[in-house]
């Protein structure tokens, strides 16, 4: 039988194109429309939050996959970019999210090819099991840079 979980946020309008966000897990912060949409710079935007949700969820699932595949991860850092299309009628959609993780793993006595294959499996699993990635229409691509330390 399926299970459910519920997550909450609360937003409050602060005037102009500004708001205040309270997340169910505790963090609170100001947010705004992006500067190119009459918003403020230096604060969270819905667009930033969307791209960050994909990036953070994939990372957490990659960590989970590394544990299961017995990869000795030294570091993971990932730059993400969201490509937004603005249609003639002014509707917008993120058409793609591109992730560029930099991954460092220890090889020990294992062959480098074997480790690279396991990292590939971990990345595929991360995308497959990511709640956020599975919940959006955007095309997601992952282009890793992998360093294996002997």
N, C-alpha and C. Protein backbone atom coordinates (compact mmCIF):
# COMPACT_ATOMS: atom_id res chain seq x y z
N UNK A 1 0.84 -1.18 0.00
CA UNK A 1 0.00 0.00 0.00
C UNK A 1 0.89 1.25 0.00
N UNK A 2 0.49 2.25 -0.72
CA UNK A 2 1.25 3.50 -0.78
C UNK A 2 1.20 4.24 0.54
N UNK A 3 2.26 5.00 0.78
CA UNK A 3 2.34 5.86 1.96
C UNK A 3 2.30 7.30 1.49
N UNK A 4 1.97 8.20 2.37
CA UNK A 4 2.00 9.62 2.04
C UNK A 4 2.80 10.37 3.08
N UNK A 5 3.31 11.51 2.68
CA UNK A 5 3.96 12.46 3.59
C UNK A 5 3.51 13.83 3.16
N UNK A 6 3.35 14.72 4.08
CA UNK A 6 2.88 16.07 3.78
C UNK A 6 3.93 17.07 4.25
N UNK A 7 4.19 18.06 3.40
CA UNK A 7 5.16 19.11 3.70
C UNK A 7 4.45 20.45 3.63
N UNK A 8 4.88 21.38 4.48
CA UNK A 8 4.21 22.66 4.58
C UNK A 8 5.17 23.83 4.40
N UNK A 9 4.66 24.88 3.81
CA UNK A 9 5.33 26.17 3.81
C UNK A 9 4.26 27.23 4.01
N UNK A 10 4.69 28.40 4.44
CA UNK A 10 3.77 29.53 4.58
C UNK A 10 4.46 30.76 4.01
N UNK A 11 3.75 31.50 3.17
CA UNK A 11 4.28 32.74 2.63
C UNK A 11 3.41 33.91 3.07
N UNK A 12 4.06 35.05 3.28
CA UNK A 12 3.37 36.28 3.67
C UNK A 12 3.87 37.40 2.76
N UNK A 13 2.95 38.14 2.19
CA UNK A 13 3.30 39.26 1.33
C UNK A 13 3.83 40.41 2.17
N UNK A 14 4.95 41.01 1.74
CA UNK A 14 5.56 42.13 2.46
C UNK A 14 5.51 43.43 1.66
N UNK A 15 4.71 43.46 0.63
CA UNK A 15 4.59 44.65 -0.21
C UNK A 15 5.45 44.53 -1.45
N UNK A 16 5.10 45.31 -2.46
CA UNK A 16 5.80 45.27 -3.75
C UNK A 16 5.90 43.83 -4.25
N UNK A 17 7.09 43.44 -4.65
CA UNK A 17 7.31 42.08 -5.16
C UNK A 17 8.14 41.29 -4.15
N UNK A 18 7.78 41.42 -2.87
CA UNK A 18 8.54 40.78 -1.80
C UNK A 18 7.63 39.92 -0.94
N UNK A 19 8.22 38.91 -0.35
CA UNK A 19 7.48 38.05 0.56
C UNK A 19 8.40 37.46 1.62
N UNK A 20 7.79 36.75 2.56
CA UNK A 20 8.53 36.07 3.62
C UNK A 20 8.07 34.62 3.63
N UNK A 21 9.04 33.70 3.64
CA UNK A 21 8.78 32.27 3.56
C UNK A 21 9.15 31.59 4.87
N UNK A 22 8.24 30.77 5.38
CA UNK A 22 8.51 29.92 6.53
C UNK A 22 8.31 28.49 6.07
N UNK A 23 9.38 27.70 6.19
CA UNK A 23 9.32 26.30 5.76
C UNK A 23 9.01 25.40 6.95
N UNK A 24 8.30 24.33 6.68
CA UNK A 24 7.89 23.42 7.73
C UNK A 24 9.03 22.81 8.51
N UNK A 25 10.21 22.72 7.89
CA UNK A 25 11.37 22.13 8.56
C UNK A 25 12.16 23.16 9.36
N UNK A 26 11.70 24.43 9.36
CA UNK A 26 12.33 25.43 10.22
C UNK A 26 12.87 26.68 9.55
N UNK A 27 13.58 26.58 8.43
CA UNK A 27 14.16 27.80 7.87
C UNK A 27 13.11 28.85 7.50
N UNK A 28 13.50 30.10 7.66
CA UNK A 28 12.66 31.23 7.29
C UNK A 28 13.52 32.21 6.53
N UNK A 29 12.93 32.87 5.51
CA UNK A 29 13.72 33.83 4.74
C UNK A 29 12.84 34.71 3.88
N UNK A 30 13.40 35.85 3.50
CA UNK A 30 12.76 36.73 2.53
C UNK A 30 12.88 36.11 1.15
N UNK A 31 11.92 36.43 0.29
CA UNK A 31 12.02 36.04 -1.11
C UNK A 31 11.42 37.14 -1.95
N UNK A 32 11.69 37.07 -3.22
CA UNK A 32 11.23 38.09 -4.14
C UNK A 32 11.14 37.49 -5.53
N UNK A 33 10.49 38.24 -6.41
CA UNK A 33 10.60 37.93 -7.83
C UNK A 33 12.05 38.20 -8.22
N UNK A 34 12.52 37.62 -9.31
CA UNK A 34 13.89 37.91 -9.75
C UNK A 34 14.01 39.37 -10.23
N UNK A 35 15.22 39.90 -10.20
CA UNK A 35 15.41 41.29 -10.64
C UNK A 35 14.87 41.57 -12.04
N UNK A 36 14.92 40.59 -12.95
CA UNK A 36 14.42 40.82 -14.31
C UNK A 36 12.89 40.83 -14.37
N UNK A 37 12.24 40.57 -13.24
CA UNK A 37 10.78 40.62 -13.16
C UNK A 37 10.35 41.59 -12.06
N UNK A 38 11.08 42.68 -11.92
CA UNK A 38 10.80 43.75 -10.96
C UNK A 38 10.98 43.32 -9.52
N UNK A 39 11.83 42.34 -9.30
CA UNK A 39 12.09 41.87 -7.94
C UNK A 39 13.41 42.42 -7.40
N UNK A 40 13.80 41.89 -6.27
CA UNK A 40 15.00 42.33 -5.57
C UNK A 40 16.16 41.37 -5.85
N UNK A 41 17.35 41.89 -5.82
CA UNK A 41 18.52 41.02 -5.88
C UNK A 41 18.93 40.65 -4.46
N UNK A 42 19.68 39.58 -4.34
CA UNK A 42 20.22 39.18 -3.04
C UNK A 42 19.29 38.38 -2.15
N UNK A 43 18.13 37.98 -2.66
CA UNK A 43 17.22 37.15 -1.87
C UNK A 43 16.76 35.96 -2.72
N UNK A 44 16.21 34.99 -2.06
CA UNK A 44 15.68 33.81 -2.73
C UNK A 44 14.59 34.20 -3.72
N UNK A 45 14.58 33.57 -4.88
CA UNK A 45 13.48 33.72 -5.84
C UNK A 45 12.84 32.36 -6.06
N UNK A 46 11.61 32.31 -6.53
CA UNK A 46 11.01 31.01 -6.83
C UNK A 46 11.84 30.24 -7.86
N UNK A 47 12.44 30.96 -8.82
CA UNK A 47 13.26 30.30 -9.83
C UNK A 47 14.50 29.67 -9.20
N UNK A 48 15.16 30.42 -8.30
CA UNK A 48 16.31 29.87 -7.57
C UNK A 48 15.90 28.64 -6.77
N UNK A 49 14.76 28.74 -6.09
CA UNK A 49 14.29 27.63 -5.25
C UNK A 49 13.99 26.39 -6.09
N UNK A 50 13.44 26.58 -7.27
CA UNK A 50 13.12 25.46 -8.15
C UNK A 50 14.39 24.73 -8.57
N UNK A 51 15.38 25.49 -9.07
CA UNK A 51 16.64 24.88 -9.50
C UNK A 51 17.36 24.25 -8.30
N UNK A 52 17.32 24.93 -7.16
CA UNK A 52 17.95 24.39 -5.95
C UNK A 52 17.27 23.10 -5.49
N UNK A 53 15.96 23.02 -5.64
CA UNK A 53 15.24 21.81 -5.22
C UNK A 53 15.73 20.60 -6.03
N UNK A 54 15.90 20.79 -7.33
CA UNK A 54 16.40 19.69 -8.17
C UNK A 54 17.82 19.34 -7.74
N UNK A 55 18.68 20.36 -7.62
CA UNK A 55 20.09 20.14 -7.30
C UNK A 55 20.27 19.44 -5.95
N UNK A 56 19.57 19.92 -4.94
CA UNK A 56 19.73 19.34 -3.60
C UNK A 56 19.15 17.93 -3.51
N UNK A 57 18.02 17.70 -4.17
CA UNK A 57 17.41 16.37 -4.11
C UNK A 57 18.27 15.34 -4.83
N UNK A 58 18.79 15.70 -6.00
CA UNK A 58 19.68 14.77 -6.72
C UNK A 58 20.92 14.48 -5.88
N UNK A 59 21.49 15.52 -5.24
CA UNK A 59 22.67 15.28 -4.41
C UNK A 59 22.36 14.31 -3.26
N UNK A 60 21.24 14.52 -2.58
CA UNK A 60 20.91 13.63 -1.46
C UNK A 60 20.71 12.19 -1.94
N UNK A 61 20.11 12.03 -3.10
CA UNK A 61 19.92 10.67 -3.63
C UNK A 61 21.25 10.09 -4.13
N UNK A 62 22.16 10.93 -4.61
CA UNK A 62 23.48 10.44 -4.99
C UNK A 62 24.23 9.94 -3.75
N UNK A 63 24.15 10.69 -2.65
CA UNK A 63 24.79 10.24 -1.40
C UNK A 63 24.22 8.89 -0.97
N UNK A 64 22.91 8.76 -1.05
CA UNK A 64 22.24 7.51 -0.71
C UNK A 64 22.76 6.37 -1.60
N UNK A 65 22.87 6.65 -2.91
CA UNK A 65 23.35 5.63 -3.86
C UNK A 65 24.81 5.25 -3.58
N UNK A 66 25.64 6.24 -3.26
CA UNK A 66 27.05 5.95 -2.96
C UNK A 66 27.17 5.01 -1.76
N UNK A 67 26.34 5.23 -0.75
CA UNK A 67 26.37 4.36 0.42
C UNK A 67 26.02 2.93 0.03
N UNK A 68 25.00 2.76 -0.77
CA UNK A 68 24.56 1.43 -1.16
C UNK A 68 25.54 0.74 -2.09
N UNK A 69 26.23 1.52 -2.92
CA UNK A 69 27.20 0.95 -3.85
C UNK A 69 28.61 0.91 -3.29
N UNK A 70 28.74 1.24 -2.01
CA UNK A 70 30.03 1.18 -1.30
C UNK A 70 31.11 2.04 -1.98
N UNK A 71 30.71 3.23 -2.44
CA UNK A 71 31.68 4.17 -3.01
C UNK A 71 32.21 5.04 -1.88
N UNK A 72 33.51 5.23 -1.84
CA UNK A 72 34.12 6.08 -0.82
C UNK A 72 34.24 7.50 -1.37
N UNK A 73 33.19 8.26 -1.15
CA UNK A 73 33.09 9.61 -1.67
C UNK A 73 33.95 10.56 -0.84
N UNK A 74 34.80 11.33 -1.52
CA UNK A 74 35.62 12.35 -0.84
C UNK A 74 34.95 13.71 -0.91
N UNK A 75 34.36 14.03 -2.06
CA UNK A 75 33.69 15.32 -2.19
C UNK A 75 32.68 15.28 -3.33
N UNK A 76 31.71 16.15 -3.20
CA UNK A 76 30.67 16.33 -4.22
C UNK A 76 30.30 17.79 -4.21
N UNK A 77 30.38 18.42 -5.36
CA UNK A 77 29.97 19.81 -5.52
C UNK A 77 29.28 19.89 -6.88
N UNK A 78 28.15 20.56 -6.93
CA UNK A 78 27.40 20.55 -8.18
C UNK A 78 26.85 21.94 -8.51
N UNK A 79 27.25 22.44 -9.65
CA UNK A 79 26.68 23.66 -10.22
C UNK A 79 25.46 23.25 -11.02
N UNK A 80 24.36 23.99 -10.88
CA UNK A 80 23.15 23.68 -11.63
C UNK A 80 22.70 24.93 -12.38
N UNK A 81 22.12 24.69 -13.55
CA UNK A 81 21.54 25.81 -14.31
C UNK A 81 20.17 25.40 -14.79
N UNK A 82 19.24 26.31 -14.65
CA UNK A 82 17.90 26.10 -15.16
C UNK A 82 17.68 27.00 -16.37
N UNK A 83 17.26 26.41 -17.46
CA UNK A 83 17.01 27.16 -18.69
C UNK A 83 15.50 27.41 -18.78
N UNK A 84 15.14 28.70 -18.77
CA UNK A 84 13.74 29.10 -18.79
C UNK A 84 13.39 29.61 -20.18
N UNK A 85 12.25 29.17 -20.69
CA UNK A 85 11.73 29.66 -21.96
C UNK A 85 10.56 30.59 -21.67
N UNK A 86 10.57 31.74 -22.30
CA UNK A 86 9.46 32.69 -22.18
C UNK A 86 8.73 32.68 -23.52
N UNK A 87 7.50 32.21 -23.51
CA UNK A 87 6.71 32.09 -24.73
C UNK A 87 6.15 33.45 -25.16
N UNK A 88 5.64 33.52 -26.38
CA UNK A 88 5.08 34.76 -26.91
C UNK A 88 3.93 35.30 -26.06
N UNK A 89 3.16 34.40 -25.45
CA UNK A 89 2.05 34.84 -24.59
C UNK A 89 2.50 35.13 -23.16
N UNK A 90 3.82 35.15 -22.95
CA UNK A 90 4.46 35.45 -21.66
C UNK A 90 4.35 34.33 -20.62
N UNK A 91 3.88 33.15 -21.02
CA UNK A 91 3.97 32.01 -20.11
C UNK A 91 5.43 31.56 -20.09
N UNK A 92 5.83 30.98 -19.00
CA UNK A 92 7.23 30.57 -18.83
C UNK A 92 7.28 29.12 -18.36
N UNK A 93 8.37 28.46 -18.73
CA UNK A 93 8.60 27.09 -18.26
C UNK A 93 10.11 26.85 -18.22
N UNK A 94 10.54 26.12 -17.22
CA UNK A 94 11.92 25.64 -17.23
C UNK A 94 11.95 24.44 -18.18
N UNK A 95 12.62 24.59 -19.30
CA UNK A 95 12.67 23.51 -20.28
C UNK A 95 13.71 22.46 -19.90
N UNK A 96 14.77 22.92 -19.24
CA UNK A 96 15.81 21.97 -18.85
C UNK A 96 16.54 22.45 -17.60
N UNK A 97 17.03 21.46 -16.87
CA UNK A 97 17.90 21.68 -15.72
C UNK A 97 19.16 20.89 -16.01
N UNK A 98 20.29 21.57 -16.02
CA UNK A 98 21.58 20.93 -16.28
C UNK A 98 22.40 20.93 -15.00
N UNK A 99 22.88 19.76 -14.63
CA UNK A 99 23.68 19.60 -13.42
C UNK A 99 25.11 19.24 -13.83
N UNK A 100 26.07 19.87 -13.16
CA UNK A 100 27.48 19.65 -13.45
C UNK A 100 28.22 19.27 -12.16
N UNK A 101 27.99 18.04 -11.67
CA UNK A 101 28.64 17.64 -10.43
C UNK A 101 30.14 17.37 -10.63
N UNK A 102 30.92 17.77 -9.63
CA UNK A 102 32.34 17.43 -9.55
C UNK A 102 32.46 16.43 -8.41
N UNK A 103 32.87 15.23 -8.76
CA UNK A 103 32.84 14.11 -7.83
C UNK A 103 34.26 13.58 -7.65
N UNK A 104 34.65 13.41 -6.38
CA UNK A 104 35.95 12.82 -6.06
C UNK A 104 35.70 11.57 -5.22
N UNK A 105 36.31 10.46 -5.65
CA UNK A 105 36.11 9.15 -5.01
C UNK A 105 37.47 8.48 -4.82
N UNK A 106 37.60 7.72 -3.74
CA UNK A 106 38.81 6.94 -3.50
C UNK A 106 38.68 5.58 -4.18
N UNK A 107 39.76 5.12 -4.85
CA UNK A 107 39.72 3.85 -5.58
C UNK A 107 40.21 2.68 -4.74
N UNK A 108 41.13 2.90 -3.84
CA UNK A 108 41.79 1.82 -3.11
C UNK A 108 42.38 0.83 -4.10
N UNK A 109 42.07 -0.47 -3.98
CA UNK A 109 42.65 -1.48 -4.87
C UNK A 109 41.76 -1.82 -6.06
N UNK A 110 40.65 -1.14 -6.20
CA UNK A 110 39.69 -1.45 -7.25
C UNK A 110 40.10 -0.79 -8.57
N UNK A 111 39.77 -1.42 -9.67
CA UNK A 111 40.07 -0.88 -11.00
C UNK A 111 39.27 0.40 -11.23
N UNK A 112 39.91 1.37 -11.86
CA UNK A 112 39.27 2.67 -12.10
C UNK A 112 38.00 2.51 -12.94
N UNK A 113 38.03 1.65 -13.94
CA UNK A 113 36.84 1.43 -14.77
C UNK A 113 35.65 0.93 -13.97
N UNK A 114 35.91 0.07 -13.01
CA UNK A 114 34.85 -0.46 -12.16
C UNK A 114 34.25 0.65 -11.30
N UNK A 115 35.11 1.51 -10.76
CA UNK A 115 34.62 2.64 -9.94
C UNK A 115 33.81 3.60 -10.79
N UNK A 116 34.30 3.92 -11.99
CA UNK A 116 33.57 4.83 -12.88
C UNK A 116 32.19 4.26 -13.20
N UNK A 117 32.10 2.96 -13.41
CA UNK A 117 30.81 2.33 -13.71
C UNK A 117 29.86 2.46 -12.51
N UNK A 118 30.38 2.28 -11.30
CA UNK A 118 29.54 2.41 -10.10
C UNK A 118 29.11 3.85 -9.90
N UNK A 119 29.98 4.80 -10.18
CA UNK A 119 29.59 6.22 -10.08
C UNK A 119 28.47 6.51 -11.08
N UNK A 120 28.60 5.99 -12.29
CA UNK A 120 27.53 6.15 -13.29
C UNK A 120 26.21 5.57 -12.81
N UNK A 121 26.27 4.38 -12.19
CA UNK A 121 25.05 3.78 -11.64
C UNK A 121 24.47 4.63 -10.52
N UNK A 122 25.36 5.19 -9.69
CA UNK A 122 24.90 6.04 -8.58
C UNK A 122 24.21 7.29 -9.12
N UNK A 123 24.75 7.89 -10.16
CA UNK A 123 24.13 9.08 -10.75
C UNK A 123 22.78 8.75 -11.38
N UNK A 124 22.69 7.60 -12.07
CA UNK A 124 21.41 7.19 -12.67
C UNK A 124 20.37 6.91 -11.58
N UNK A 125 20.80 6.26 -10.51
CA UNK A 125 19.89 5.99 -9.40
C UNK A 125 19.45 7.28 -8.73
N UNK A 126 20.37 8.21 -8.59
CA UNK A 126 20.03 9.49 -7.96
C UNK A 126 18.92 10.18 -8.74
N UNK A 127 19.04 10.19 -10.05
CA UNK A 127 18.00 10.83 -10.87
C UNK A 127 16.71 10.02 -10.84
N UNK A 128 16.82 8.71 -10.91
CA UNK A 128 15.63 7.86 -10.92
C UNK A 128 14.82 7.99 -9.63
N UNK A 129 15.49 8.07 -8.50
CA UNK A 129 14.80 8.07 -7.21
C UNK A 129 14.60 9.46 -6.61
N UNK A 130 14.97 10.50 -7.34
CA UNK A 130 14.77 11.86 -6.85
C UNK A 130 13.30 12.25 -6.92
N UNK A 131 12.71 12.53 -5.78
CA UNK A 131 11.32 12.97 -5.73
C UNK A 131 11.11 14.20 -6.60
N UNK A 132 11.99 15.17 -6.47
CA UNK A 132 11.83 16.42 -7.20
C UNK A 132 11.99 16.18 -8.70
N UNK A 133 13.03 15.46 -9.10
CA UNK A 133 13.24 15.19 -10.53
C UNK A 133 12.05 14.45 -11.13
N UNK A 134 11.45 13.58 -10.37
CA UNK A 134 10.29 12.83 -10.86
C UNK A 134 9.01 13.65 -10.88
N UNK A 135 9.04 14.83 -10.27
CA UNK A 135 7.84 15.65 -10.13
C UNK A 135 7.78 16.83 -11.09
N UNK A 136 8.75 16.96 -11.97
CA UNK A 136 8.79 18.11 -12.86
C UNK A 136 8.78 17.68 -14.33
N UNK A 137 8.45 18.63 -15.20
CA UNK A 137 8.43 18.37 -16.64
C UNK A 137 9.78 18.64 -17.31
N UNK A 138 10.62 19.40 -16.69
CA UNK A 138 11.90 19.81 -17.29
C UNK A 138 12.78 18.61 -17.61
N UNK A 139 13.51 18.71 -18.71
CA UNK A 139 14.53 17.71 -19.05
C UNK A 139 15.72 17.91 -18.09
N UNK A 140 16.19 16.85 -17.49
CA UNK A 140 17.34 16.94 -16.57
C UNK A 140 18.51 16.21 -17.20
N UNK A 141 19.65 16.91 -17.28
CA UNK A 141 20.87 16.28 -17.75
C UNK A 141 21.93 16.41 -16.66
N UNK A 142 22.75 15.38 -16.56
CA UNK A 142 23.84 15.37 -15.58
C UNK A 142 25.13 15.14 -16.33
N UNK A 143 26.04 16.09 -16.23
CA UNK A 143 27.34 16.01 -16.90
C UNK A 143 28.44 16.07 -15.84
N UNK A 144 28.83 14.91 -15.31
CA UNK A 144 29.78 14.91 -14.20
C UNK A 144 31.23 15.07 -14.65
N UNK A 145 32.02 15.59 -13.74
CA UNK A 145 33.47 15.54 -13.81
C UNK A 145 33.88 14.64 -12.65
N UNK A 146 34.59 13.56 -12.97
CA UNK A 146 34.92 12.55 -11.95
C UNK A 146 36.42 12.48 -11.78
N UNK A 147 36.83 12.51 -10.51
CA UNK A 147 38.25 12.32 -10.17
C UNK A 147 38.33 11.14 -9.24
N UNK A 148 39.15 10.16 -9.62
CA UNK A 148 39.34 8.96 -8.80
C UNK A 148 40.74 9.00 -8.23
N UNK A 149 40.81 8.96 -6.91
CA UNK A 149 42.08 9.06 -6.17
C UNK A 149 42.56 7.66 -5.82
N UNK A 150 43.78 7.33 -6.26
CA UNK A 150 44.38 6.04 -5.94
C UNK A 150 45.09 6.10 -4.61
